[in-house]
């Protein structure tokens, strides 16, 4: 969690916590707790708001917060990346669609689900 707190401090730079709070709709007290390392396991929705504000892929915040392995290699295959992202999308608590896929769940089907999720959520994954 220390990695996330240091990362957030670095990203904020000269901005005040209040400025970030106003732009992200996250309380300044909560942001302060995240930056000081007093708050663990921030909800992925909080990380998503921060990623959007700082214009950084949400996957980076998920790694820093410990939701994903840090050593996800750049050398992963296309199919491995699609599998990983498909698992990420379908494991989100607010994901409610796509559970009744008929037939084999091929790489193309998984990619389609990921793309539809991106369009619905505005989150960039691919």
C-alpha atoms as a PDB file:
ATOM      1  CA  UNK A   1       0.000   0.000   0.000  1.00  0.00           C
ATOM      2  CA  UNK A   2       2.976   2.277   0.528  1.00  0.00           C
ATOM      3  CA  UNK A   3       3.556   2.156  -3.203  1.00  0.00           C
ATOM      4  CA  UNK A   4       0.087   3.586  -3.872  1.00  0.00           C
ATOM      5  CA  UNK A   5       0.486   6.348  -1.294  1.00  0.00           C
ATOM      6  CA  UNK A   6       3.838   7.447  -2.744  1.00  0.00           C
ATOM      7  CA  UNK A   7       2.421   7.270  -6.260  1.00  0.00           C
ATOM      8  CA  UNK A   8      -0.552   9.457  -5.349  1.00  0.00           C
ATOM      9  CA  UNK A   9       1.680  12.050  -3.675  1.00  0.00           C
ATOM     10  CA  UNK A  10       3.919  12.161  -6.732  1.00  0.00           C
ATOM     11  CA  UNK A  11       0.985  12.538  -9.128  1.00  0.00           C
ATOM     12  CA  UNK A  12      -0.612  15.308  -7.103  1.00  0.00           C
ATOM     13  CA  UNK A  13       2.562  17.380  -7.254  1.00  0.00           C
ATOM     14  CA  UNK A  14       1.850  21.025  -6.414  1.00  0.00           C
ATOM     15  CA  UNK A  15      -1.935  20.643  -6.367  1.00  0.00           C
ATOM     16  CA  UNK A  16      -3.683  20.652  -3.038  1.00  0.00           C
ATOM     17  CA  UNK A  17      -5.650  17.655  -1.848  1.00  0.00           C
ATOM     18  CA  UNK A  18      -8.743  19.869  -1.889  1.00  0.00           C
ATOM     19  CA  UNK A  19      -8.251  20.585  -5.599  1.00  0.00           C
ATOM     20  CA  UNK A  20      -8.020  16.879  -6.370  1.00  0.00           C
ATOM     21  CA  UNK A  21     -11.045  16.210  -4.150  1.00  0.00           C
ATOM     22  CA  UNK A  22     -13.149  18.784  -5.990  1.00  0.00           C
ATOM     23  CA  UNK A  23     -12.234  17.412  -9.418  1.00  0.00           C
ATOM     24  CA  UNK A  24     -12.661  13.719  -8.513  1.00  0.00           C
ATOM     25  CA  UNK A  25     -15.614  13.883  -6.114  1.00  0.00           C
ATOM     26  CA  UNK A  26     -13.551  11.995  -3.527  1.00  0.00           C
ATOM     27  CA  UNK A  27     -13.369  13.539  -0.058  1.00  0.00           C
ATOM     28  CA  UNK A  28     -10.148  15.293   0.842  1.00  0.00           C
ATOM     29  CA  UNK A  29     -10.029  13.342   4.119  1.00  0.00           C
ATOM     30  CA  UNK A  30     -10.152  10.043   2.219  1.00  0.00           C
ATOM     31  CA  UNK A  31      -7.497  11.221  -0.248  1.00  0.00           C
ATOM     32  CA  UNK A  32      -5.305  12.277   2.658  1.00  0.00           C
ATOM     33  CA  UNK A  33      -5.673   8.839   4.242  1.00  0.00           C
ATOM     34  CA  UNK A  34      -4.738   7.178   0.938  1.00  0.00           C
ATOM     35  CA  UNK A  35      -1.667   9.365   0.538  1.00  0.00           C
ATOM     36  CA  UNK A  36      -0.508   8.798   4.104  1.00  0.00           C
ATOM     37  CA  UNK A  37      -0.994   5.030   3.829  1.00  0.00           C
ATOM     38  CA  UNK A  38      -3.581   4.993   6.620  1.00  0.00           C
ATOM     39  CA  UNK A  39      -6.310   3.718   4.327  1.00  0.00           C
ATOM     40  CA  UNK A  40      -5.929   0.324   2.661  1.00  0.00           C
ATOM     41  CA  UNK A  41      -7.757  -1.332  -0.223  1.00  0.00           C
ATOM     42  CA  UNK A  42      -9.442   1.626  -1.897  1.00  0.00           C
ATOM     43  CA  UNK A  43     -12.477   0.606  -3.901  1.00  0.00           C
ATOM     44  CA  UNK A  44     -11.757   0.185  -7.631  1.00  0.00           C
ATOM     45  CA  UNK A  45     -14.281   2.960  -8.347  1.00  0.00           C
ATOM     46  CA  UNK A  46     -12.098   5.376  -6.372  1.00  0.00           C
ATOM     47  CA  UNK A  47      -9.079   4.249  -8.368  1.00  0.00           C
ATOM     48  CA  UNK A  48     -11.048   4.691 -11.570  1.00  0.00           C
ATOM     49  CA  UNK A  49     -11.878   8.305 -10.667  1.00  0.00           C
ATOM     50  CA  UNK A  50      -8.237   9.012  -9.882  1.00  0.00           C
ATOM     51  CA  UNK A  51      -7.078   7.374 -13.108  1.00  0.00           C
ATOM     52  CA  UNK A  52      -9.478   9.495 -15.121  1.00  0.00           C
ATOM     53  CA  UNK A  53      -8.408  12.680 -13.341  1.00  0.00           C
ATOM     54  CA  UNK A  54      -4.681  12.015 -13.756  1.00  0.00           C
ATOM     55  CA  UNK A  55      -5.187  10.587 -17.268  1.00  0.00           C
ATOM     56  CA  UNK A  56      -3.380   7.380 -16.388  1.00  0.00           C
ATOM     57  CA  UNK A  57      -4.626   3.874 -17.271  1.00  0.00           C
ATOM     58  CA  UNK A  58      -6.673   2.508 -14.389  1.00  0.00           C
ATOM     59  CA  UNK A  59      -4.653  -0.688 -14.575  1.00  0.00           C
ATOM     60  CA  UNK A  60      -1.665   1.212 -13.156  1.00  0.00           C
ATOM     61  CA  UNK A  61      -3.680   2.209 -10.093  1.00  0.00           C
ATOM     62  CA  UNK A  62      -4.972  -1.340  -9.714  1.00  0.00           C
ATOM     63  CA  UNK A  63      -1.381  -2.611  -9.714  1.00  0.00           C
ATOM     64  CA  UNK A  64      -0.230  -0.017  -7.178  1.00  0.00           C
ATOM     65  CA  UNK A  65      -3.179  -0.841  -4.902  1.00  0.00           C
ATOM     66  CA  UNK A  66      -2.372  -4.560  -5.039  1.00  0.00           C
ATOM     67  CA  UNK A  67      -5.385  -5.677  -7.064  1.00  0.00           C
ATOM     68  CA  UNK A  68      -3.179  -6.923  -9.902  1.00  0.00           C
ATOM     69  CA  UNK A  69       0.269  -8.466  -9.963  1.00  0.00           C
ATOM     70  CA  UNK A  70       3.016  -5.920 -10.513  1.00  0.00           C
ATOM     71  CA  UNK A  71       4.897  -8.291 -12.776  1.00  0.00           C
ATOM     72  CA  UNK A  72       2.295  -8.447 -15.528  1.00  0.00           C
ATOM     73  CA  UNK A  73       4.724  -8.700 -18.351  1.00  0.00           C
ATOM     74  CA  UNK A  74       4.732  -6.688 -21.535  1.00  0.00           C
ATOM     75  CA  UNK A  75       5.463 -10.034 -23.164  1.00  0.00           C
ATOM     76  CA  UNK A  76       2.072 -11.525 -22.412  1.00  0.00           C
ATOM     77  CA  UNK A  77       0.377 -12.885 -25.478  1.00  0.00           C
ATOM     78  CA  UNK A  78      -2.706 -11.315 -27.003  1.00  0.00           C
ATOM     79  CA  UNK A  79      -4.849 -14.170 -25.691  1.00  0.00           C
ATOM     80  CA  UNK A  80      -3.396 -13.803 -22.181  1.00  0.00           C
ATOM     81  CA  UNK A  81      -4.124 -10.084 -22.200  1.00  0.00           C
ATOM     82  CA  UNK A  82      -7.705 -10.670 -23.366  1.00  0.00           C
ATOM     83  CA  UNK A  83      -8.162 -13.380 -20.694  1.00  0.00           C
ATOM     84  CA  UNK A  84      -6.803 -11.066 -17.984  1.00  0.00           C
ATOM     85  CA  UNK A  85      -9.002  -8.153 -19.037  1.00  0.00           C
ATOM     86  CA  UNK A  86     -12.055 -10.402 -19.411  1.00  0.00           C
ATOM     87  CA  UNK A  87     -11.534 -11.633 -15.835  1.00  0.00           C
ATOM     88  CA  UNK A  88     -11.116  -8.038 -14.649  1.00  0.00           C
ATOM     89  CA  UNK A  89     -14.376  -6.947 -16.312  1.00  0.00           C
ATOM     90  CA  UNK A  90     -16.485  -9.919 -15.231  1.00  0.00           C
ATOM     91  CA  UNK A  91     -15.197  -9.795 -11.644  1.00  0.00           C
ATOM     92  CA  UNK A  92     -16.178  -6.160 -11.120  1.00  0.00           C
ATOM     93  CA  UNK A  93     -18.960  -5.913  -8.537  1.00  0.00           C
ATOM     94  CA  UNK A  94     -21.047  -3.616 -10.743  1.00  0.00           C
ATOM     95  CA  UNK A  95     -20.765  -5.851 -13.828  1.00  0.00           C
ATOM     96  CA  UNK A  96     -24.189  -7.357 -14.465  1.00  0.00           C
ATOM     97  CA  UNK A  97     -24.347  -8.072 -18.171  1.00  0.00           C
ATOM     98  CA  UNK A  98     -22.859 -10.787 -20.323  1.00  0.00           C
ATOM     99  CA  UNK A  99     -23.299 -13.680 -17.934  1.00  0.00           C
ATOM    100  CA  UNK A 100     -25.435 -15.631 -20.373  1.00  0.00           C
ATOM    101  CA  UNK A 101     -23.010 -16.073 -23.214  1.00  0.00           C
ATOM    102  CA  UNK A 102     -24.064 -19.034 -25.322  1.00  0.00           C
ATOM    103  CA  UNK A 103     -21.508 -21.335 -26.848  1.00  0.00           C
ATOM    104  CA  UNK A 104     -17.777 -21.313 -26.350  1.00  0.00           C
ATOM    105  CA  UNK A 105     -16.229 -18.261 -24.757  1.00  0.00           C
ATOM    106  CA  UNK A 106     -13.632 -17.641 -27.425  1.00  0.00           C
ATOM    107  CA  UNK A 107     -11.036 -14.896 -27.469  1.00  0.00           C
ATOM    108  CA  UNK A 108     -13.285 -12.958 -29.865  1.00  0.00           C
ATOM    109  CA  UNK A 109     -16.254 -13.227 -27.486  1.00  0.00           C
ATOM    110  CA  UNK A 110     -14.093 -12.091 -24.577  1.00  0.00           C
ATOM    111  CA  UNK A 111     -12.773  -9.168 -26.623  1.00  0.00           C
ATOM    112  CA  UNK A 112     -16.343  -8.187 -27.527  1.00  0.00           C
ATOM    113  CA  UNK A 113     -17.368  -8.174 -23.839  1.00  0.00           C
ATOM    114  CA  UNK A 114     -14.323  -6.041 -22.979  1.00  0.00           C
ATOM    115  CA  UNK A 115     -15.077  -3.587 -25.791  1.00  0.00           C
ATOM    116  CA  UNK A 116     -18.725  -3.270 -24.734  1.00  0.00           C
ATOM    117  CA  UNK A 117     -17.634  -2.688 -21.146  1.00  0.00           C
ATOM    118  CA  UNK A 118     -15.244   0.040 -22.332  1.00  0.00           C
ATOM    119  CA  UNK A 119     -18.021   1.764 -24.252  1.00  0.00           C
ATOM    120  CA  UNK A 120     -20.422   1.574 -21.324  1.00  0.00           C
ATOM    121  CA  UNK A 121     -17.950   2.623 -18.631  1.00  0.00           C
ATOM    122  CA  UNK A 122     -15.596   4.929 -20.520  1.00  0.00           C
ATOM    123  CA  UNK A 123     -12.685   2.983 -19.033  1.00  0.00           C
ATOM    124  CA  UNK A 124      -9.847   2.300 -21.486  1.00  0.00           C
ATOM    125  CA  UNK A 125      -8.538  -1.251 -21.201  1.00  0.00           C
ATOM    126  CA  UNK A 126      -7.388  -2.277 -24.684  1.00  0.00           C
END
